[in-house]
N, C-alpha and C. Protein backbone atom coordinates (compact mmCIF):
# COMPACT_ATOMS: atom_id res chain seq x y z
N MET A 1 -17.25 -19.99 60.12
CA MET A 1 -18.86 -19.58 60.33
C MET A 1 -19.62 -20.35 59.42
N LEU A 2 -20.64 -21.10 60.00
CA LEU A 2 -21.32 -22.31 60.37
C LEU A 2 -22.56 -21.73 58.04
N SER A 3 -22.18 -22.69 58.10
CA SER A 3 -23.21 -22.52 56.62
C SER A 3 -24.39 -22.66 57.06
N PRO A 4 -25.92 -22.24 56.28
CA PRO A 4 -27.21 -22.76 56.32
C PRO A 4 -27.69 -24.40 56.97
N SER A 5 -26.96 -24.53 55.92
CA SER A 5 -26.95 -26.31 56.50
C SER A 5 -27.20 -26.67 58.13
N ASP A 6 -25.88 -26.67 58.06
CA ASP A 6 -25.17 -26.53 59.59
C ASP A 6 -25.79 -26.04 60.75
N THR A 7 -26.17 -24.72 60.70
CA THR A 7 -26.99 -23.83 61.62
C THR A 7 -28.34 -24.34 61.80
N ALA A 8 -29.07 -25.19 60.67
CA ALA A 8 -30.37 -26.00 60.73
C ALA A 8 -30.20 -27.11 61.58
N ILE A 9 -29.18 -27.65 60.96
CA ILE A 9 -28.50 -28.85 61.99
C ILE A 9 -27.92 -28.71 63.26
N VAL A 10 -27.85 -27.46 63.85
CA VAL A 10 -27.90 -26.94 65.04
C VAL A 10 -29.02 -26.95 65.80
N PHE A 11 -30.00 -26.27 65.20
CA PHE A 11 -31.02 -25.91 65.39
C PHE A 11 -32.04 -27.38 65.83
N LEU A 12 -32.05 -27.45 65.42
CA LEU A 12 -33.00 -29.41 65.24
C LEU A 12 -32.10 -29.94 66.36
N LEU A 13 -30.86 -29.90 66.58
CA LEU A 13 -30.25 -30.78 67.96
C LEU A 13 -30.91 -29.91 69.26
N ALA A 14 -30.66 -28.73 69.13
CA ALA A 14 -31.04 -27.97 70.16
C ALA A 14 -32.32 -28.05 70.66
N LEU A 15 -33.07 -28.12 69.17
CA LEU A 15 -34.81 -28.31 69.65
C LEU A 15 -35.42 -29.34 70.71
N LEU A 16 -34.17 -30.87 69.77
CA LEU A 16 -34.30 -31.77 70.35
C LEU A 16 -33.91 -32.36 71.45
N LEU A 17 -33.05 -31.21 72.07
CA LEU A 17 -31.84 -31.35 73.53
C LEU A 17 -33.16 -30.89 74.55
N PHE A 18 -33.51 -29.66 73.77
CA PHE A 18 -33.82 -28.57 75.20
C PHE A 18 -35.42 -28.49 75.08
N GLY A 19 -35.25 -28.79 73.89
CA GLY A 19 -37.16 -28.76 73.93
C GLY A 19 -37.48 -27.53 73.82
N PRO A 20 -39.07 -27.54 72.95
CA PRO A 20 -39.78 -25.94 72.28
C PRO A 20 -39.77 -24.65 73.44
N GLU A 21 -40.31 -25.63 74.60
CA GLU A 21 -40.38 -24.32 75.73
C GLU A 21 -39.36 -24.41 76.29
N GLN A 22 -38.05 -24.24 76.11
CA GLN A 22 -36.81 -24.01 77.20
C GLN A 22 -35.94 -23.65 75.46
N LEU A 23 -36.18 -23.97 74.34
CA LEU A 23 -35.66 -23.06 73.91
C LEU A 23 -35.41 -21.64 73.01
N PRO A 24 -36.38 -20.41 73.35
CA PRO A 24 -36.28 -19.09 73.80
C PRO A 24 -35.24 -18.66 74.76
N ARG A 25 -35.94 -19.71 76.17
CA ARG A 25 -34.84 -18.97 76.79
C ARG A 25 -33.64 -19.33 76.82
N ILE A 26 -32.86 -20.14 75.99
CA ILE A 26 -31.71 -20.31 75.91
C ILE A 26 -31.25 -19.68 75.01
N ALA A 27 -31.82 -18.95 73.98
CA ALA A 27 -31.61 -18.29 72.78
C ALA A 27 -31.46 -17.20 73.59
N ARG A 28 -32.04 -16.96 74.43
CA ARG A 28 -32.15 -15.14 74.84
C ARG A 28 -31.04 -15.31 75.83
N GLN A 29 -30.48 -16.24 76.54
CA GLN A 29 -28.89 -16.48 77.42
C GLN A 29 -27.82 -16.38 76.29
N LEU A 30 -27.92 -16.85 74.91
CA LEU A 30 -27.18 -17.13 74.19
C LEU A 30 -27.02 -15.54 73.47
N GLY A 31 -27.96 -14.30 73.46
CA GLY A 31 -28.16 -13.46 72.41
C GLY A 31 -26.86 -12.36 73.87
N GLU A 32 -27.26 -12.74 75.11
CA GLU A 32 -26.98 -11.84 76.06
C GLU A 32 -25.56 -12.19 76.01
N ALA A 33 -25.19 -13.42 75.62
CA ALA A 33 -23.55 -13.32 75.76
C ALA A 33 -23.01 -12.78 75.21
N MET A 34 -23.40 -13.30 73.78
CA MET A 34 -22.78 -12.87 72.03
C MET A 34 -22.74 -10.79 73.30
N ARG A 35 -23.73 -10.16 73.32
CA ARG A 35 -24.01 -8.92 73.88
C ARG A 35 -22.59 -8.68 74.73
N HIS A 36 -22.58 -9.64 75.49
CA HIS A 36 -20.95 -9.39 76.63
C HIS A 36 -20.18 -9.63 76.12
N VAL A 37 -20.14 -10.41 75.57
CA VAL A 37 -18.37 -10.15 74.79
C VAL A 37 -18.50 -9.30 73.75
N GLN A 38 -19.16 -8.99 72.95
CA GLN A 38 -19.25 -8.18 71.72
C GLN A 38 -18.42 -6.25 72.65
N THR A 39 -19.42 -5.79 73.66
CA THR A 39 -19.21 -5.07 74.71
C THR A 39 -18.01 -5.10 74.81
N THR A 40 -17.48 -6.36 76.02
CA THR A 40 -15.76 -6.29 76.48
C THR A 40 -15.50 -6.12 75.61
N THR A 41 -15.27 -6.83 74.22
CA THR A 41 -14.29 -6.99 73.21
C THR A 41 -14.24 -5.07 72.51
N HIS A 42 -15.14 -4.35 72.47
CA HIS A 42 -15.15 -3.53 72.33
C HIS A 42 -14.86 -2.61 72.96
N THR A 43 -14.90 -2.40 74.30
CA THR A 43 -14.26 -1.38 75.61
C THR A 43 -12.52 -1.93 76.09
N PHE A 44 -12.15 -3.37 75.21
CA PHE A 44 -10.92 -3.58 75.51
C PHE A 44 -10.17 -3.00 74.04
N MET A 45 -10.84 -2.94 73.06
CA MET A 45 -10.09 -2.35 71.66
C MET A 45 -10.00 -0.43 72.43
N ASN A 46 -10.99 -0.03 72.46
CA ASN A 46 -10.90 1.64 72.52
C ASN A 46 -9.82 1.58 74.08
N GLU A 47 -9.70 1.06 75.17
CA GLU A 47 -8.11 1.55 75.85
C GLU A 47 -7.36 1.08 75.42
N MET A 48 -7.35 0.21 74.25
CA MET A 48 -5.95 -0.11 73.69
C MET A 48 -5.56 0.85 73.06
N GLU A 49 -6.55 1.84 72.04
CA GLU A 49 -6.26 2.54 71.58
C GLU A 49 -5.69 4.10 72.02
N ARG A 50 -6.82 3.87 73.09
CA ARG A 50 -6.47 5.28 73.93
C ARG A 50 -4.69 4.80 74.57
N ALA A 51 -3.96 3.76 74.75
CA ALA A 51 -3.25 3.43 75.16
C ALA A 51 -2.50 4.33 74.37
N ALA A 52 -2.58 3.47 72.78
CA ALA A 52 -1.85 3.57 72.23
C ALA A 52 -1.50 4.91 71.22
N GLN A 53 -2.27 5.64 72.17
CA GLN A 53 -2.45 7.71 71.27
C GLN A 53 -1.59 8.18 72.57
N ILE A 54 -1.78 7.49 73.62
CA ILE A 54 -1.20 8.32 75.09
C ILE A 54 0.56 8.44 74.51
N ASN A 55 1.09 7.23 74.41
CA ASN A 55 2.26 6.61 73.93
C ASN A 55 3.03 7.45 72.49
N GLU A 56 1.90 7.79 71.79
CA GLU A 56 2.65 8.58 70.47
C GLU A 56 2.55 9.81 70.84
N ALA A 57 1.69 10.53 71.47
CA ALA A 57 1.89 11.51 72.14
C ALA A 57 3.55 12.25 72.70
N PRO A 58 4.11 13.49 71.22
CA PRO A 58 5.12 14.07 71.54
C PRO A 58 5.69 13.98 73.31
N GLU A 59 6.52 13.96 73.85
CA GLU A 59 7.04 14.23 75.25
C GLU A 59 7.94 15.81 74.95
N PRO A 60 7.84 16.35 76.17
CA PRO A 60 8.29 17.33 75.86
C PRO A 60 9.80 17.36 76.04
N VAL A 61 10.21 18.73 75.48
CA VAL A 61 11.36 18.65 74.74
C VAL A 61 11.72 19.33 76.03
N GLU A 62 13.15 18.62 76.99
CA GLU A 62 13.69 19.45 77.42
C GLU A 62 15.09 20.07 77.45
N PRO A 63 15.66 21.31 78.07
CA PRO A 63 16.19 22.21 77.40
C PRO A 63 17.46 21.45 77.68
N ILE A 64 18.48 21.88 76.78
CA ILE A 64 19.97 20.99 76.90
C ILE A 64 20.68 21.90 77.20
N ASP A 65 21.48 21.49 78.72
CA ASP A 65 22.00 22.78 79.98
C ASP A 65 24.15 22.64 78.36
N GLU A 66 23.81 24.31 78.57
CA GLU A 66 24.40 24.58 77.67
C GLU A 66 26.02 24.79 78.87
N PRO A 67 27.18 24.55 78.56
CA PRO A 67 27.64 25.34 79.42
C PRO A 67 27.98 26.64 79.08
N ALA A 68 27.83 27.84 80.30
CA ALA A 68 28.25 29.04 79.94
C ALA A 68 29.49 29.77 79.33
N PRO A 69 29.40 30.49 78.55
CA PRO A 69 30.58 30.27 77.04
C PRO A 69 32.10 30.85 78.21
N THR A 70 33.17 30.85 77.25
CA THR A 70 34.41 30.85 78.62
C THR A 70 35.01 32.19 77.03
N SER A 71 35.55 32.93 77.51
CA SER A 71 36.08 33.71 77.08
C SER A 71 37.67 34.52 77.46
N ASP A 72 38.28 34.36 76.86
CA ASP A 72 39.67 35.49 77.94
C ASP A 72 39.50 36.95 77.93
N TYR A 73 38.22 37.43 76.64
CA TYR A 73 38.21 38.77 76.52
C TYR A 73 37.10 39.13 77.61
N THR A 74 37.46 40.07 78.12
CA THR A 74 36.29 40.25 79.37
C THR A 74 36.01 42.10 78.89
N GLU A 75 35.09 42.49 78.64
CA GLU A 75 34.68 43.94 78.34
C GLU A 75 35.11 44.90 79.13
N GLU A 76 35.52 46.13 79.36
CA GLU A 76 35.79 47.01 80.20
C GLU A 76 35.48 47.99 80.37
N LYS A 77 34.40 48.94 80.67
CA LYS A 77 34.29 50.44 80.21
C LYS A 77 35.18 51.17 81.05
N PRO A 78 35.17 52.02 79.91
CA PRO A 78 36.51 53.29 80.44
C PRO A 78 36.07 53.70 81.62
N ASP A 79 36.81 54.05 82.96
CA ASP A 79 36.73 54.93 84.10
C ASP A 79 37.01 56.50 83.35
N ASP A 80 35.44 56.90 84.17
CA ASP A 80 35.51 58.81 83.50
C ASP A 80 36.02 59.32 83.82
N SER A 81 36.21 59.21 85.46
CA SER A 81 36.35 59.93 86.30
C SER A 81 37.87 59.75 86.35
N VAL A 82 38.50 59.54 86.43
CA VAL A 82 40.27 59.14 85.90
C VAL A 82 41.06 59.75 84.87
N HIS A 83 39.94 59.85 83.22
CA HIS A 83 40.51 60.91 82.43
C HIS A 83 40.06 62.31 82.43
N ALA A 84 38.59 62.17 82.60
CA ALA A 84 38.40 63.47 82.63
C ALA A 84 38.71 64.88 83.54
N PRO A 85 38.82 65.83 83.12
CA PRO A 85 39.71 66.69 84.44
C PRO A 85 38.24 67.10 85.42
N SER A 86 39.24 66.81 86.52
CA SER A 86 38.19 67.50 87.79
C SER A 86 37.42 69.07 87.37
N ALA A 87 36.85 69.17 87.61
CA ALA A 87 35.75 70.33 88.02
C ALA A 87 36.60 71.55 88.76
N GLY A 88 37.08 71.23 90.01
CA GLY A 88 37.26 72.65 90.48
C GLY A 88 38.62 72.34 90.31
N ALA A 89 39.25 71.38 89.87
CA ALA A 89 40.88 71.66 89.49
C ALA A 89 41.24 72.54 88.44
N PRO A 90 42.89 73.34 88.86
CA PRO A 90 42.64 74.66 87.48
C PRO A 90 44.16 73.71 86.43
N ASP A 91 43.90 74.04 85.63
CA ASP A 91 44.51 73.61 84.42
C ASP A 91 45.51 74.05 84.32
């Protein structure tokens, strides 16, 4: 950063080099260039923050493929037609 005395020296040199007629035009152009740099920097920082937020978002968890349970036991339903007496048969 320039101190006040450094700023005064730069101003006097610019006044001597460019003259009082051209100095306002040059200052305006310098201001526009500085504004463009600030806008570009601000846009870049916002884009970097947005990209960081996208990378920090939790990713969806995929279900784990578990193998089907293996069991030696199979449940069998009793067949009522075999054990129950038939309706038309004599006892």
